[in-house]
C-alpha cells in the first residue's frame, strides 16, 4: 500500500431511508478507475467510466460499512458503494471499496 497516493479526503455517509445522509467517518483515500477486466468481472452492467476503486488505510470502523446504507463523498462528488469493505489479504493494512459515481442535476447530466 502506497500511502503517498492517498491524497483525496473522503467522507462516508450513512442513511437509513436513502433521503437524509449523515457523515459517519472521514479519511484519506486513493480513488482510481478500474481497468476493463476488473470492471467486467466485478461490476457487469455499469459503465466502466463511472466505476472506481477507493483505497483507504485500514480502520476497524471501515469493515462495518455496507453498500446498502452508505455512500462516499469526495470533493462534492457522490459515489454509490457497489461492494462491501475488502480487507486486502486480511493484513489489516488496506481496505478497498468499489463504487460508482452518482451524477446529479448539478453535474449537468
C-alpha atoms as a PDB file:
ATOM      1  CA  UNK A   1       0.000   0.000   0.000  1.00  0.00           C
ATOM      2  CA  UNK A   2       1.400   3.344  -1.064  1.00  0.00           C
ATOM      3  CA  UNK A   3       0.038   5.887   1.412  1.00  0.00           C
ATOM      4  CA  UNK A   4       1.612   8.770  -0.561  1.00  0.00           C
ATOM      5  CA  UNK A   5      -1.108   8.315  -3.182  1.00  0.00           C
ATOM      6  CA  UNK A   6      -3.900   8.661  -0.607  1.00  0.00           C
ATOM      7  CA  UNK A   7      -4.479  12.356  -1.203  1.00  0.00           C
ATOM      8  CA  UNK A   8      -8.268  12.508  -1.582  1.00  0.00           C
ATOM      9  CA  UNK A   9     -10.210  13.402   1.558  1.00  0.00           C
ATOM     10  CA  UNK A  10     -13.388  11.305   1.558  1.00  0.00           C
ATOM     11  CA  UNK A  11     -16.375  11.112   3.865  1.00  0.00           C
ATOM     12  CA  UNK A  12     -18.567   8.080   4.357  1.00  0.00           C
ATOM     13  CA  UNK A  13     -22.197   8.985   4.890  1.00  0.00           C
ATOM     14  CA  UNK A  14     -24.963   6.758   6.255  1.00  0.00           C
ATOM     15  CA  UNK A  15     -28.677   6.814   5.586  1.00  0.00           C
ATOM     16  CA  UNK A  16     -31.441   4.629   6.921  1.00  0.00           C
ATOM     17  CA  UNK A  17     -34.003   5.936   4.426  1.00  0.00           C
ATOM     18  CA  UNK A  18     -31.927   6.937   1.377  1.00  0.00           C
ATOM     19  CA  UNK A  19     -33.011  10.567   1.745  1.00  0.00           C
ATOM     20  CA  UNK A  20     -31.203  12.022   4.763  1.00  0.00           C
ATOM     21  CA  UNK A  21     -27.451  11.382   4.889  1.00  0.00           C
ATOM     22  CA  UNK A  22     -25.213  11.888   7.933  1.00  0.00           C
ATOM     23  CA  UNK A  23     -21.411  11.999   7.982  1.00  0.00           C
ATOM     24  CA  UNK A  24     -20.010   8.959   9.768  1.00  0.00           C
ATOM     25  CA  UNK A  25     -16.285   8.767   9.068  1.00  0.00           C
ATOM     26  CA  UNK A  26     -13.687  10.759   7.130  1.00  0.00           C
ATOM     27  CA  UNK A  27     -10.275   9.616   5.974  1.00  0.00           C
ATOM     28  CA  UNK A  28      -7.759   9.975   3.170  1.00  0.00           C
ATOM     29  CA  UNK A  29      -8.056   7.645   0.217  1.00  0.00           C
ATOM     30  CA  UNK A  30      -6.764   6.897  -3.249  1.00  0.00           C
ATOM     31  CA  UNK A  31      -9.501   6.873  -5.896  1.00  0.00           C
ATOM     32  CA  UNK A  32      -8.780   5.206  -9.220  1.00  0.00           C
ATOM     33  CA  UNK A  33     -10.837   3.981 -12.176  1.00  0.00           C
ATOM     34  CA  UNK A  34     -10.976   0.209 -12.521  1.00  0.00           C
ATOM     35  CA  UNK A  35      -9.421  -1.460 -15.556  1.00  0.00           C
ATOM     36  CA  UNK A  36     -11.519  -3.276 -18.150  1.00  0.00           C
ATOM     37  CA  UNK A  37     -11.057  -6.869 -16.953  1.00  0.00           C
ATOM     38  CA  UNK A  38     -11.567  -5.984 -13.312  1.00  0.00           C
ATOM     39  CA  UNK A  39     -14.652  -3.972 -14.194  1.00  0.00           C
ATOM     40  CA  UNK A  40     -16.372  -6.664 -16.235  1.00  0.00           C
ATOM     41  CA  UNK A  41     -15.659  -9.383 -13.683  1.00  0.00           C
ATOM     42  CA  UNK A  42     -16.860  -7.357 -10.681  1.00  0.00           C
ATOM     43  CA  UNK A  43     -19.496  -4.967 -12.000  1.00  0.00           C
ATOM     44  CA  UNK A  44     -21.080  -6.106 -15.237  1.00  0.00           C
ATOM     45  CA  UNK A  45     -23.917  -3.796 -16.187  1.00  0.00           C
ATOM     46  CA  UNK A  46     -22.363  -0.497 -15.073  1.00  0.00           C
ATOM     47  CA  UNK A  47     -20.441   1.933 -17.248  1.00  0.00           C
ATOM     48  CA  UNK A  48     -16.723   1.410 -16.665  1.00  0.00           C
ATOM     49  CA  UNK A  49     -16.017   5.154 -16.804  1.00  0.00           C
ATOM     50  CA  UNK A  50     -18.195   5.682 -13.738  1.00  0.00           C
ATOM     51  CA  UNK A  51     -16.760   2.852 -11.658  1.00  0.00           C
ATOM     52  CA  UNK A  52     -13.836   3.458  -9.283  1.00  0.00           C
ATOM     53  CA  UNK A  53     -11.765   1.681  -6.682  1.00  0.00           C
ATOM     54  CA  UNK A  54     -11.420   3.519  -3.376  1.00  0.00           C
ATOM     55  CA  UNK A  55      -8.393   2.514  -1.294  1.00  0.00           C
ATOM     56  CA  UNK A  56      -8.138   3.532   2.396  1.00  0.00           C
ATOM     57  CA  UNK A  57      -5.795   2.769   5.240  1.00  0.00           C
ATOM     58  CA  UNK A  58      -7.318   0.033   7.436  1.00  0.00           C
ATOM     59  CA  UNK A  59      -9.581   1.100  10.288  1.00  0.00           C
ATOM     60  CA  UNK A  60     -11.899  -1.350  12.090  1.00  0.00           C
ATOM     61  CA  UNK A  61     -14.836   1.048  11.554  1.00  0.00           C
ATOM     62  CA  UNK A  62     -14.456   0.686   7.765  1.00  0.00           C
ATOM     63  CA  UNK A  63     -15.232  -3.020   7.997  1.00  0.00           C
ATOM     64  CA  UNK A  64     -18.787  -2.173   9.146  1.00  0.00           C
ATOM     65  CA  UNK A  65     -19.591  -0.126   6.043  1.00  0.00           C
ATOM     66  CA  UNK A  66     -22.126  -1.792   3.754  1.00  0.00           C
ATOM     67  CA  UNK A  67     -23.258  -0.803   0.255  1.00  0.00           C
ATOM     68  CA  UNK A  68     -26.962  -0.523   1.064  1.00  0.00           C
ATOM     69  CA  UNK A  69     -26.686   2.137   3.795  1.00  0.00           C
ATOM     70  CA  UNK A  70     -23.523   4.093   2.980  1.00  0.00           C
ATOM     71  CA  UNK A  71     -22.089   6.284   0.249  1.00  0.00           C
ATOM     72  CA  UNK A  72     -18.855   8.229  -0.276  1.00  0.00           C
ATOM     73  CA  UNK A  73     -18.465  11.965  -0.810  1.00  0.00           C
ATOM     74  CA  UNK A  74     -15.224  13.353  -2.244  1.00  0.00           C
ATOM     75  CA  UNK A  75     -14.891  16.978  -3.268  1.00  0.00           C
ATOM     76  CA  UNK A  76     -18.651  17.286  -3.682  1.00  0.00           C
ATOM     77  CA  UNK A  77     -18.842  14.187  -5.892  1.00  0.00           C
ATOM     78  CA  UNK A  78     -21.083  11.378  -4.629  1.00  0.00           C
ATOM     79  CA  UNK A  79     -20.268   7.685  -5.048  1.00  0.00           C
ATOM     80  CA  UNK A  80     -22.631   4.760  -4.518  1.00  0.00           C
ATOM     81  CA  UNK A  81     -20.902   1.769  -2.935  1.00  0.00           C
ATOM     82  CA  UNK A  82     -21.011  -1.379  -5.064  1.00  0.00           C
ATOM     83  CA  UNK A  83     -19.099  -3.668  -2.719  1.00  0.00           C
ATOM     84  CA  UNK A  84     -18.524  -4.124   1.000  1.00  0.00           C
ATOM     85  CA  UNK A  85     -15.133  -3.402   2.547  1.00  0.00           C
ATOM     86  CA  UNK A  86     -12.327  -5.674   1.340  1.00  0.00           C
ATOM     87  CA  UNK A  87      -9.509  -6.084   3.880  1.00  0.00           C
ATOM     88  CA  UNK A  88      -6.761  -6.731   1.325  1.00  0.00           C
ATOM     89  CA  UNK A  89      -5.095 -10.091   2.034  1.00  0.00           C
ATOM     90  CA  UNK A  90      -6.556  -9.846   5.579  1.00  0.00           C
ATOM     91  CA  UNK A  91      -3.446  -7.916   6.637  1.00  0.00           C
ATOM     92  CA  UNK A  92      -5.345  -5.029   8.301  1.00  0.00           C
ATOM     93  CA  UNK A  93      -3.334  -2.501   6.276  1.00  0.00           C
ATOM     94  CA  UNK A  94      -5.575  -1.508   3.366  1.00  0.00           C
ATOM     95  CA  UNK A  95      -9.328  -1.569   2.720  1.00  0.00           C
ATOM     96  CA  UNK A  96     -10.753  -1.371  -0.792  1.00  0.00           C
ATOM     97  CA  UNK A  97     -14.267  -0.462  -1.920  1.00  0.00           C
ATOM     98  CA  UNK A  98     -15.786  -0.478  -5.389  1.00  0.00           C
ATOM     99  CA  UNK A  99     -18.034   2.485  -6.092  1.00  0.00           C
ATOM    100  CA  UNK A 100     -19.979   4.159  -8.895  1.00  0.00           C
ATOM    101  CA  UNK A 101     -20.192   7.903  -9.392  1.00  0.00           C
ATOM    102  CA  UNK A 102     -23.667   9.318  -8.856  1.00  0.00           C
ATOM    103  CA  UNK A 103     -24.484  12.062 -11.321  1.00  0.00           C
ATOM    104  CA  UNK A 104     -26.810  14.828 -10.179  1.00  0.00           C
ATOM    105  CA  UNK A 105     -28.518  17.784 -11.852  1.00  0.00           C
ATOM    106  CA  UNK A 106     -25.601  19.970 -10.733  1.00  0.00           C
ATOM    107  CA  UNK A 107     -23.302  17.839 -12.931  1.00  0.00           C
ATOM    108  CA  UNK A 108     -25.348  18.732 -15.987  1.00  0.00           C
ATOM    109  CA  UNK A 109     -26.373  15.131 -16.583  1.00  0.00           C
END
